[in-house]
Structure formats: structure tokens, C-alpha cells
Amino acid sequence: MALAFALVGLYLHVERGWTGRQVQRAHVSLARGRREWPSLVLPRERGAVTAAEVVRTPEGPERDGAIDAWCRSVWECFEENRGAVVELLKRRGIL
């Protein structure tokens, strides 16, 4: 469930341009009730940008850009799961 939530957030932000608040609302909707979660693939690589690099970036627009780069980097590695993420969002009426 945790990986599904993370990948949903990455997909919605990176590919759909959703804000953090919009992603949060999608997560709340997904959390309602018991559901089956898709099988997801864990890639070897987890992205070229690390969380430590993001945290070291000065706050403000520069860090916001670093967060976006981090999200894109991680999503590229997990993109094999795109179909499962989109299907989950469609089944739950979020897309």
C-alpha cells in the first residue's frame, strides 16, 4: 500500500502536474475502505537525485525545483508501474 501511494503521488505530480494538495486529496480517497492493491515492480535503480541532495538545497524556489527533479528522477525508474497506477486511479474514480 505504501509503495502504491508513493507511485500514485509521483504519477499525479510528474505526469499530470497535480499540486501537493491535490495529491493529498487523491491519497485520502484511496485510503477509504479496504481495497486490493496492485502488484508493483521494484527497479534496481531508484533515481539519480537523492533525498539528501534535495535537503541540502536552499529553501525556496531552488528547493522546489530540486524536489521536482527528484520526483521526475524516481518516477522514471518506477515508470514500468505506470499502467498499474493509472488503472488503480481509474478504478477508484480519481481519473
PDB file of N, CA and C in Angstrom:
ATOM      1  N   MET A   1       0.819  -1.181   0.000  1.00  0.00           N
ATOM      2  CA  MET A   1       0.000   0.000   0.000  1.00  0.00           C
ATOM      3  C   MET A   1       0.874   1.259   0.000  1.00  0.00           C
ATOM      4  N   ALA A   2       1.926   1.280   0.786  1.00  0.00           N
ATOM      5  CA  ALA A   2       2.791   2.464   0.859  1.00  0.00           C
ATOM      6  C   ALA A   2       3.437   2.762  -0.493  1.00  0.00           C
ATOM      7  N   LEU A   3       3.920   1.729  -1.184  1.00  0.00           N
ATOM      8  CA  LEU A   3       4.537   1.939  -2.483  1.00  0.00           C
ATOM      9  C   LEU A   3       3.491   2.438  -3.487  1.00  0.00           C
ATOM     10  N   ALA A   4       2.302   1.869  -3.435  1.00  0.00           N
ATOM     11  CA  ALA A   4       1.236   2.321  -4.337  1.00  0.00           C
ATOM     12  C   ALA A   4       0.934   3.800  -4.114  1.00  0.00           C
ATOM     13  N   PHE A   5       0.834   4.225  -2.855  1.00  0.00           N
ATOM     14  CA  PHE A   5       0.575   5.633  -2.554  1.00  0.00           C
ATOM     15  C   PHE A   5       1.701   6.508  -3.100  1.00  0.00           C
ATOM     16  N   ALA A   6       2.935   6.098  -2.898  1.00  0.00           N
ATOM     17  CA  ALA A   6       4.073   6.884  -3.367  1.00  0.00           C
ATOM     18  C   ALA A   6       4.054   7.017  -4.886  1.00  0.00           C
ATOM     19  N   LEU A   7       3.808   5.911  -5.573  1.00  0.00           N
ATOM     20  CA  LEU A   7       3.799   5.952  -7.027  1.00  0.00           C
ATOM     21  C   LEU A   7       2.615   6.733  -7.568  1.00  0.00           C
ATOM     22  N   VAL A   8       1.485   6.654  -6.903  1.00  0.00           N
ATOM     23  CA  VAL A   8       0.332   7.474  -7.284  1.00  0.00           C
ATOM     24  C   VAL A   8       0.711   8.955  -7.200  1.00  0.00           C
ATOM     25  N   GLY A   9       1.341   9.340  -6.095  1.00  0.00           N
ATOM     26  CA  GLY A   9       1.748  10.723  -5.924  1.00  0.00           C
ATOM     27  C   GLY A   9       2.729  11.174  -7.000  1.00  0.00           C
ATOM     28  N   LEU A  10       3.691  10.331  -7.299  1.00  0.00           N
ATOM     29  CA  LEU A  10       4.661  10.678  -8.340  1.00  0.00           C
ATOM     30  C   LEU A  10       3.996  10.807  -9.700  1.00  0.00           C
ATOM     31  N   TYR A  11       3.147   9.860 -10.038  1.00  0.00           N
ATOM     32  CA  TYR A  11       2.454   9.915 -11.329  1.00  0.00           C
ATOM     33  C   TYR A  11       1.623  11.186 -11.438  1.00  0.00           C
ATOM     34  N   LEU A  12       0.813  11.448 -10.421  1.00  0.00           N
ATOM     35  CA  LEU A  12      -0.071  12.612 -10.482  1.00  0.00           C
ATOM     36  C   LEU A  12       0.714  13.917 -10.554  1.00  0.00           C
ATOM     37  N   HIS A  13       1.820  13.999  -9.846  1.00  0.00           N
ATOM     38  CA  HIS A  13       2.620  15.219  -9.864  1.00  0.00           C
ATOM     39  C   HIS A  13       3.421  15.359 -11.159  1.00  0.00           C
ATOM     40  N   VAL A  14       4.154  14.312 -11.515  1.00  0.00           N
ATOM     41  CA  VAL A  14       5.064  14.395 -12.663  1.00  0.00           C
ATOM     42  C   VAL A  14       4.315  14.421 -13.990  1.00  0.00           C
ATOM     43  N   GLU A  15       3.368  13.517 -14.161  1.00  0.00           N
ATOM     44  CA  GLU A  15       2.704  13.410 -15.464  1.00  0.00           C
ATOM     45  C   GLU A  15       1.456  14.266 -15.595  1.00  0.00           C
ATOM     46  N   ARG A  16       0.787  14.528 -14.490  1.00  0.00           N
ATOM     47  CA  ARG A  16      -0.462  15.289 -14.553  1.00  0.00           C
ATOM     48  C   ARG A  16      -0.342  16.713 -14.029  1.00  0.00           C
ATOM     49  N   GLY A  17       0.798  17.022 -13.390  1.00  0.00           N
ATOM     50  CA  GLY A  17       1.010  18.368 -12.884  1.00  0.00           C
ATOM     51  C   GLY A  17       0.187  18.736 -11.660  1.00  0.00           C
ATOM     52  N   TRP A  18      -0.252  17.717 -10.905  1.00  0.00           N
ATOM     53  CA  TRP A  18      -1.059  17.974  -9.714  1.00  0.00           C
ATOM     54  C   TRP A  18      -0.194  18.598  -8.620  1.00  0.00           C
ATOM     55  N   THR A  19      -0.819  19.436  -7.831  1.00  0.00           N
ATOM     56  CA  THR A  19      -0.138  20.039  -6.679  1.00  0.00           C
ATOM     57  C   THR A  19      -0.084  19.039  -5.532  1.00  0.00           C
ATOM     58  N   GLY A  20       0.690  19.381  -4.519  1.00  0.00           N
ATOM     59  CA  GLY A  20       0.759  18.534  -3.327  1.00  0.00           C
ATOM     60  C   GLY A  20      -0.601  18.367  -2.675  1.00  0.00           C
ATOM     61  N   ARG A  21      -1.385  19.431  -2.620  1.00  0.00           N
ATOM     62  CA  ARG A  21      -2.720  19.377  -2.011  1.00  0.00           C
ATOM     63  C   ARG A  21      -3.638  18.451  -2.805  1.00  0.00           C
ATOM     64  N   GLN A  22      -3.572  18.517  -4.125  1.00  0.00           N
ATOM     65  CA  GLN A  22      -4.396  17.635  -4.960  1.00  0.00           C
ATOM     66  C   GLN A  22      -3.993  16.177  -4.782  1.00  0.00           C
ATOM     67  N   VAL A  23      -2.705  15.928  -4.704  1.00  0.00           N
ATOM     68  CA  VAL A  23      -2.219  14.557  -4.476  1.00  0.00           C
ATOM     69  C   VAL A  23      -2.698  14.070  -3.112  1.00  0.00           C
ATOM     70  N   GLN A  24      -2.637  14.932  -2.124  1.00  0.00           N
ATOM     71  CA  GLN A  24      -3.092  14.569  -0.781  1.00  0.00           C
ATOM     72  C   GLN A  24      -4.569  14.154  -0.810  1.00  0.00           C
ATOM     73  N   ARG A  25      -5.393  14.878  -1.536  1.00  0.00           N
ATOM     74  CA  ARG A  25      -6.819  14.511  -1.634  1.00  0.00           C
ATOM     75  C   ARG A  25      -6.998  13.155  -2.326  1.00  0.00           C
ATOM     76  N   ALA A  26      -6.173  12.884  -3.337  1.00  0.00           N
ATOM     77  CA  ALA A  26      -6.230  11.574  -4.001  1.00  0.00           C
ATOM     78  C   ALA A  26      -5.861  10.475  -3.018  1.00  0.00           C
ATOM     79  N   HIS A  27      -4.851  10.711  -2.194  1.00  0.00           N
ATOM     80  CA  HIS A  27      -4.449   9.725  -1.184  1.00  0.00           C
ATOM     81  C   HIS A  27      -5.569   9.475  -0.181  1.00  0.00           C
ATOM     82  N   VAL A  28      -6.260  10.527   0.233  1.00  0.00           N
ATOM     83  CA  VAL A  28      -7.381  10.365   1.163  1.00  0.00           C
ATOM     84  C   VAL A  28      -8.460   9.494   0.522  1.00  0.00           C
ATOM     85  N   SER A  29      -8.743   9.746  -0.731  1.00  0.00           N
ATOM     86  CA  SER A  29      -9.742   8.950  -1.442  1.00  0.00           C
ATOM     87  C   SER A  29      -9.315   7.488  -1.550  1.00  0.00           C
ATOM     88  N   LEU A  30      -8.043   7.255  -1.834  1.00  0.00           N
ATOM     89  CA  LEU A  30      -7.541   5.878  -1.931  1.00  0.00           C
ATOM     90  C   LEU A  30      -7.587   5.152  -0.595  1.00  0.00           C
ATOM     91  N   ALA A  31      -7.422   5.885   0.482  1.00  0.00           N
ATOM     92  CA  ALA A  31      -7.361   5.275   1.816  1.00  0.00           C
ATOM     93  C   ALA A  31      -8.728   4.820   2.325  1.00  0.00           C
ATOM     94  N   ARG A  32      -9.798   5.313   1.725  1.00  0.00           N
ATOM     95  CA  ARG A  32     -11.138   4.934   2.190  1.00  0.00           C
ATOM     96  C   ARG A  32     -11.427   3.468   1.864  1.00  0.00           C
ATOM     97  N   GLY A  33     -11.786   2.712   2.855  1.00  0.00           N
ATOM     98  CA  GLY A  33     -12.188   1.320   2.655  1.00  0.00           C
ATOM     99  C   GLY A  33     -11.018   0.400   2.358  1.00  0.00           C
ATOM    100  N   ARG A  34     -11.288  -0.881   2.454  1.00  0.00           N
ATOM    101  CA  ARG A  34     -10.272  -1.891   2.139  1.00  0.00           C
ATOM    102  C   ARG A  34     -10.326  -2.178   0.662  1.00  0.00           C
ATOM    103  N   ARG A  35      -9.194  -2.220   0.078  1.00  0.00           N
ATOM    104  CA  ARG A  35      -9.099  -2.472  -1.355  1.00  0.00           C
ATOM    105  C   ARG A  35      -7.907  -3.370  -1.649  1.00  0.00           C
ATOM    106  N   GLU A  36      -7.957  -3.940  -2.829  1.00  0.00           N
ATOM    107  CA  GLU A  36      -6.802  -4.686  -3.310  1.00  0.00           C
ATOM    108  C   GLU A  36      -5.823  -3.695  -3.906  1.00  0.00           C
ATOM    109  N   TRP A  37      -4.553  -3.946  -3.673  1.00  0.00           N
ATOM    110  CA  TRP A  37      -3.524  -3.076  -4.215  1.00  0.00           C
ATOM    111  C   TRP A  37      -2.809  -3.804  -5.338  1.00  0.00           C
ATOM    112  N   PRO A  38      -2.381  -3.085  -6.363  1.00  0.00           N
ATOM    113  CA  PRO A  38      -1.724  -3.754  -7.495  1.00  0.00           C
ATOM    114  C   PRO A  38      -0.354  -4.301  -7.109  1.00  0.00           C
ATOM    115  N   SER A  39       0.063  -5.306  -7.846  1.00  0.00           N
ATOM    116  CA  SER A  39       1.437  -5.798  -7.711  1.00  0.00           C
ATOM    117  C   SER A  39       2.331  -4.803  -8.433  1.00  0.00           C
ATOM    118  N   LEU A  40       3.393  -4.403  -7.779  1.00  0.00           N
ATOM    119  CA  LEU A  40       4.273  -3.393  -8.347  1.00  0.00           C
ATOM    120  C   LEU A  40       5.694  -3.929  -8.447  1.00  0.00           C
ATOM    121  N   VAL A  41       6.426  -3.407  -9.409  1.00  0.00           N
ATOM    122  CA  VAL A  41       7.784  -3.845  -9.678  1.00  0.00           C
ATOM    123  C   VAL A  41       8.762  -2.877  -9.012  1.00  0.00           C
ATOM    124  N   LEU A  42       9.730  -3.439  -8.287  1.00  0.00           N
ATOM    125  CA  LEU A  42      10.787  -2.623  -7.687  1.00  0.00           C
ATOM    126  C   LEU A  42      12.001  -2.631  -8.618  1.00  0.00           C
ATOM    127  N   PRO A  43      12.360  -1.468  -9.163  1.00  0.00           N
ATOM    128  CA  PRO A  43      13.520  -1.426 -10.044  1.00  0.00           C
ATOM    129  C   PRO A  43      14.824  -1.457  -9.253  1.00  0.00           C
ATOM    130  N   ARG A  44      15.904  -1.802  -9.928  1.00  0.00           N
ATOM    131  CA  ARG A  44      17.222  -1.795  -9.274  1.00  0.00           C
ATOM    132  C   ARG A  44      17.620  -0.376  -8.896  1.00  0.00           C
ATOM    133  N   GLU A  45      17.477   0.526  -9.838  1.00  0.00           N
ATOM    134  CA  GLU A  45      17.849   1.927  -9.622  1.00  0.00           C
ATOM    135  C   GLU A  45      16.649   2.673  -9.038  1.00  0.00           C
ATOM    136  N   ARG A  46      16.913   3.640  -8.172  1.00  0.00           N
ATOM    137  CA  ARG A  46      15.828   4.397  -7.529  1.00  0.00           C
ATOM    138  C   ARG A  46      15.859   5.868  -7.892  1.00  0.00           C
ATOM    139  N   GLY A  47      16.702   6.252  -8.829  1.00  0.00           N
ATOM    140  CA  GLY A  47      16.756   7.632  -9.279  1.00  0.00           C
ATOM    141  C   GLY A  47      18.126   8.248  -9.098  1.00  0.00           C
ATOM    142  N   ALA A  48      18.452   9.188  -9.967  1.00  0.00           N
ATOM    143  CA  ALA A  48      19.765   9.830  -9.942  1.00  0.00           C
ATOM    144  C   ALA A  48      19.857  10.903  -8.864  1.00  0.00           C
ATOM    145  N   VAL A  49      18.722  11.466  -8.476  1.00  0.00           N
ATOM    146  CA  VAL A  49      18.699  12.521  -7.464  1.00  0.00           C
ATOM    147  C   VAL A  49      18.339  11.873  -6.124  1.00  0.00           C
ATOM    148  N   THR A  50      19.054  12.243  -5.074  1.00  0.00           N
ATOM    149  CA  THR A  50      18.785  11.670  -3.751  1.00  0.00           C
ATOM    150  C   THR A  50      18.058  12.669  -2.856  1.00  0.00           C
ATOM    151  N   ALA A  51      17.391  12.141  -1.845  1.00  0.00           N
ATOM    152  CA  ALA A  51      16.719  12.995  -0.868  1.00  0.00           C
ATOM    153  C   ALA A  51      17.724  13.884  -0.151  1.00  0.00           C
ATOM    154  N   ALA A  52      18.908  13.365   0.093  1.00  0.00           N
ATOM    155  CA  ALA A  52      19.950  14.149   0.768  1.00  0.00           C
ATOM    156  C   ALA A  52      20.324  15.375  -0.067  1.00  0.00           C
ATOM    157  N   GLU A  53      20.385  15.206  -1.373  1.00  0.00           N
ATOM    158  CA  GLU A  53      20.685  16.346  -2.249  1.00  0.00           C
ATOM    159  C   GLU A  53      19.580  17.398  -2.172  1.00  0.00           C
ATOM    160  N   VAL A  54      18.350  16.946  -2.124  1.00  0.00           N
ATOM    161  CA  VAL A  54      17.216  17.871  -2.033  1.00  0.00           C
ATOM    162  C   VAL A  54      17.278  18.653  -0.730  1.00  0.00           C
ATOM    163  N   VAL A  55      17.532  17.970   0.371  1.00  0.00           N
ATOM    164  CA  VAL A  55      17.573  18.616   1.685  1.00  0.00           C
ATOM    165  C   VAL A  55      18.709  19.640   1.761  1.00  0.00           C
ATOM    166  N   ARG A  56      19.810  19.374   1.086  1.00  0.00           N
ATOM    167  CA  ARG A  56      20.938  20.314   1.093  1.00  0.00           C
ATOM    168  C   ARG A  56      20.685  21.562   0.246  1.00  0.00           C
ATOM    169  N   THR A  57      19.666  21.522  -0.582  1.00  0.00           N
ATOM    170  CA  THR A  57      19.350  22.662  -1.443  1.00  0.00           C
ATOM    171  C   THR A  57      18.676  23.757  -0.603  1.00  0.00           C
ATOM    172  N   PRO A  58      19.085  25.019  -0.794  1.00  0.00           N
ATOM    173  CA  PRO A  58      18.464  26.109  -0.023  1.00  0.00           C
ATOM    174  C   PRO A  58      16.946  26.163  -0.224  1.00  0.00           C
ATOM    175  N   GLU A  59      16.235  26.490   0.851  1.00  0.00           N
ATOM    176  CA  GLU A  59      14.772  26.582   0.797  1.00  0.00           C
ATOM    177  C   GLU A  59      14.347  27.632  -0.222  1.00  0.00           C
ATOM    178  N   GLY A  60      13.116  27.466  -0.677  1.00  0.00           N
ATOM    179  CA  GLY A  60      12.555  28.418  -1.638  1.00  0.00           C
ATOM    180  C   GLY A  60      12.458  27.797  -3.018  1.00  0.00           C
ATOM    181  N   PRO A  61      12.439  28.649  -4.046  1.00  0.00           N
ATOM    182  CA  PRO A  61      12.258  28.156  -5.414  1.00  0.00           C
ATOM    183  C   PRO A  61      13.316  27.136  -5.843  1.00  0.00           C
ATOM    184  N   GLU A  62      14.543  27.320  -5.348  1.00  0.00           N
ATOM    185  CA  GLU A  62      15.608  26.383  -5.711  1.00  0.00           C
ATOM    186  C   GLU A  62      15.302  24.980  -5.178  1.00  0.00           C
ATOM    187  N   ARG A  63      14.845  24.890  -3.929  1.00  0.00           N
ATOM    188  CA  ARG A  63      14.498  23.580  -3.370  1.00  0.00           C
ATOM    189  C   ARG A  63      13.257  23.018  -4.057  1.00  0.00           C
ATOM    190  N   ASP A  64      12.287  23.880  -4.357  1.00  0.00           N
ATOM    191  CA  ASP A  64      11.099  23.415  -5.076  1.00  0.00           C
ATOM    192  C   ASP A  64      11.506  22.743  -6.386  1.00  0.00           C
ATOM    193  N   GLY A  65      12.464  23.341  -7.090  1.00  0.00           N
ATOM    194  CA  GLY A  65      12.965  22.748  -8.326  1.00  0.00           C
ATOM    195  C   GLY A  65      13.678  21.435  -8.078  1.00  0.00           C
ATOM    196  N   ALA A  66      14.424  21.370  -6.980  1.00  0.00           N
ATOM    197  CA  ALA A  66      15.123  20.128  -6.629  1.00  0.00           C
ATOM    198  C   ALA A  66      14.129  19.014  -6.308  1.00  0.00           C
ATOM    199  N   ILE A  67      13.049  19.368  -5.632  1.00  0.00           N
ATOM    200  CA  ILE A  67      12.004  18.371  -5.316  1.00  0.00           C
ATOM    201  C   ILE A  67      11.393  17.847  -6.603  1.00  0.00           C
ATOM    202  N   ASP A  68      11.083  18.749  -7.534  1.00  0.00           N
ATOM    203  CA  ASP A  68      10.516  18.311  -8.814  1.00  0.00           C
ATOM    204  C   ASP A  68      11.489  17.406  -9.569  1.00  0.00           C
ATOM    205  N   ALA A  69      12.765  17.757  -9.567  1.00  0.00           N
ATOM    206  CA  ALA A  69      13.769  16.928 -10.249  1.00  0.00           C
ATOM    207  C   ALA A  69      13.863  15.555  -9.599  1.00  0.00           C
ATOM    208  N   TRP A  70      13.795  15.527  -8.275  1.00  0.00           N
ATOM    209  CA  TRP A  70      13.823  14.269  -7.539  1.00  0.00           C
ATOM    210  C   TRP A  70      12.618  13.405  -7.921  1.00  0.00           C
ATOM    211  N   CYS A  71      11.447  14.013  -7.932  1.00  0.00           N
ATOM    212  CA  CYS A  71      10.224  13.279  -8.303  1.00  0.00           C
ATOM    213  C   CYS A  71      10.346  12.694  -9.706  1.00  0.00           C
ATOM    214  N   ARG A  72      10.787  13.497 -10.656  1.00  0.00           N
ATOM    215  CA  ARG A  72      10.938  13.010 -12.035  1.00  0.00           C
ATOM    216  C   ARG A  72      11.954  11.866 -12.106  1.00  0.00           C
ATOM    217  N   SER A  73      13.048  12.019 -11.382  1.00  0.00           N
ATOM    218  CA  SER A  73      14.100  11.005 -11.385  1.00  0.00           C
ATOM    219  C   SER A  73      13.592   9.661 -10.859  1.00  0.00           C
ATOM    220  N   VAL A  74      12.871   9.705  -9.755  1.00  0.00           N
ATOM    221  CA  VAL A  74      12.338   8.470  -9.166  1.00  0.00           C
ATOM    222  C   VAL A  74      11.255   7.880 -10.059  1.00  0.00           C
ATOM    223  N   TRP A  75      10.352   8.722 -10.580  1.00  0.00           N
ATOM    224  CA  TRP A  75       9.264   8.224 -11.421  1.00  0.00           C
ATOM    225  C   TRP A  75       9.812   7.533 -12.668  1.00  0.00           C
ATOM    226  N   GLU A  76      10.875   8.083 -13.253  1.00  0.00           N
ATOM    227  CA  GLU A  76      11.475   7.442 -14.430  1.00  0.00           C
ATOM    228  C   GLU A  76      11.905   6.009 -14.111  1.00  0.00           C
ATOM    229  N   CYS A  77      12.440   5.790 -12.926  1.00  0.00           N
ATOM    230  CA  CYS A  77      12.877   4.441 -12.542  1.00  0.00           C
ATOM    231  C   CYS A  77      11.709   3.491 -12.299  1.00  0.00           C
ATOM    232  N   PHE A  78      10.609   4.017 -11.801  1.00  0.00           N
ATOM    233  CA  PHE A  78       9.441   3.195 -11.466  1.00  0.00           C
ATOM    234  C   PHE A  78       8.385   3.199 -12.571  1.00  0.00           C
ATOM    235  N   GLU A  79       8.686   3.816 -13.713  1.00  0.00           N
ATOM    236  CA  GLU A  79       7.698   4.002 -14.764  1.00  0.00           C
ATOM    237  C   GLU A  79       7.104   2.696 -15.300  1.00  0.00           C
ATOM    238  N   GLU A  80       7.788   1.592 -15.088  1.00  0.00           N
ATOM    239  CA  GLU A  80       7.250   0.287 -15.503  1.00  0.00           C
ATOM    240  C   GLU A  80       5.896   0.017 -14.837  1.00  0.00           C
ATOM    241  N   ASN A  81       5.651   0.683 -13.716  1.00  0.00           N
ATOM    242  CA  ASN A  81       4.400   0.520 -12.976  1.00  0.00           C
ATOM    243  C   ASN A  81       3.297   1.472 -13.429  1.00  0.00           C
ATOM    244  N   ARG A  82       3.564   2.269 -14.445  1.00  0.00           N
ATOM    245  CA  ARG A  82       2.610   3.291 -14.874  1.00  0.00           C
ATOM    246  C   ARG A  82       1.219   2.727 -15.146  1.00  0.00           C
ATOM    247  N   GLY A  83       1.142   1.644 -15.890  1.00  0.00           N
ATOM    248  CA  GLY A  83      -0.151   1.045 -16.228  1.00  0.00           C
ATOM    249  C   GLY A  83      -0.936   0.649 -14.995  1.00  0.00           C
ATOM    250  N   ALA A  84      -0.279   0.040 -14.024  1.00  0.00           N
ATOM    251  CA  ALA A  84      -0.950  -0.381 -12.789  1.00  0.00           C
ATOM    252  C   ALA A  84      -1.430   0.826 -11.990  1.00  0.00           C
ATOM    253  N   VAL A  85      -0.639   1.898 -11.975  1.00  0.00           N
ATOM    254  CA  VAL A  85      -1.018   3.110 -11.242  1.00  0.00           C
ATOM    255  C   VAL A  85      -2.228   3.763 -11.894  1.00  0.00           C
ATOM    256  N   VAL A  86      -2.185   3.908 -13.212  1.00  0.00           N
ATOM    257  CA  VAL A  86      -3.303   4.527 -13.929  1.00  0.00           C
ATOM    258  C   VAL A  86      -4.570   3.703 -13.745  1.00  0.00           C
ATOM    259  N   GLU A  87      -4.456   2.394 -13.852  1.00  0.00           N
ATOM    260  CA  GLU A  87      -5.619   1.517 -13.675  1.00  0.00           C
ATOM    261  C   GLU A  87      -6.208   1.666 -12.277  1.00  0.00           C
ATOM    262  N   LEU A  88      -5.366   1.705 -11.261  1.00  0.00           N
ATOM    263  CA  LEU A  88      -5.829   1.887  -9.882  1.00  0.00           C
ATOM    264  C   LEU A  88      -6.597   3.205  -9.753  1.00  0.00           C
ATOM    265  N   LEU A  89      -6.051   4.266 -10.300  1.00  0.00           N
ATOM    266  CA  LEU A  89      -6.700   5.576 -10.206  1.00  0.00           C
ATOM    267  C   LEU A  89      -8.030   5.602 -10.957  1.00  0.00           C
ATOM    268  N   LYS A  90      -8.101   4.927 -12.089  1.00  0.00           N
ATOM    269  CA  LYS A  90      -9.354   4.859 -12.840  1.00  0.00           C
ATOM    270  C   LYS A  90     -10.400   4.040 -12.080  1.00  0.00           C
ATOM    271  N   ARG A  91      -9.989   2.879 -11.543  1.00  0.00           N
ATOM    272  CA  ARG A  91     -10.926   2.037 -10.783  1.00  0.00           C
ATOM    273  C   ARG A  91     -11.498   2.781  -9.594  1.00  0.00           C
ATOM    274  N   ARG A  92     -10.712   3.630  -8.971  1.00  0.00           N
ATOM    275  CA  ARG A  92     -11.144   4.360  -7.771  1.00  0.00           C
ATOM    276  C   ARG A  92     -11.829   5.681  -8.103  1.00  0.00           C
ATOM    277  N   GLY A  93     -11.983   5.981  -9.398  1.00  0.00           N
ATOM    278  CA  GLY A  93     -12.695   7.191  -9.817  1.00  0.00           C
ATOM    279  C   GLY A  93     -11.901   8.478  -9.621  1.00  0.00           C
ATOM    280  N   ILE A  94     -10.604   8.372  -9.523  1.00  0.00           N
ATOM    281  CA  ILE A  94      -9.773   9.561  -9.333  1.00  0.00           C
ATOM    282  C   ILE A  94      -9.396  10.155 -10.690  1.00  0.00           C
ATOM    283  N   LEU A  95      -9.264   9.340 -11.693  1.00  0.00           N
ATOM    284  CA  LEU A  95      -9.029   9.823 -13.061  1.00  0.00           C
ATOM    285  C   LEU A  95     -10.266   9.613 -13.897  1.00  0.00           C
TER     286      LEU A  95
END
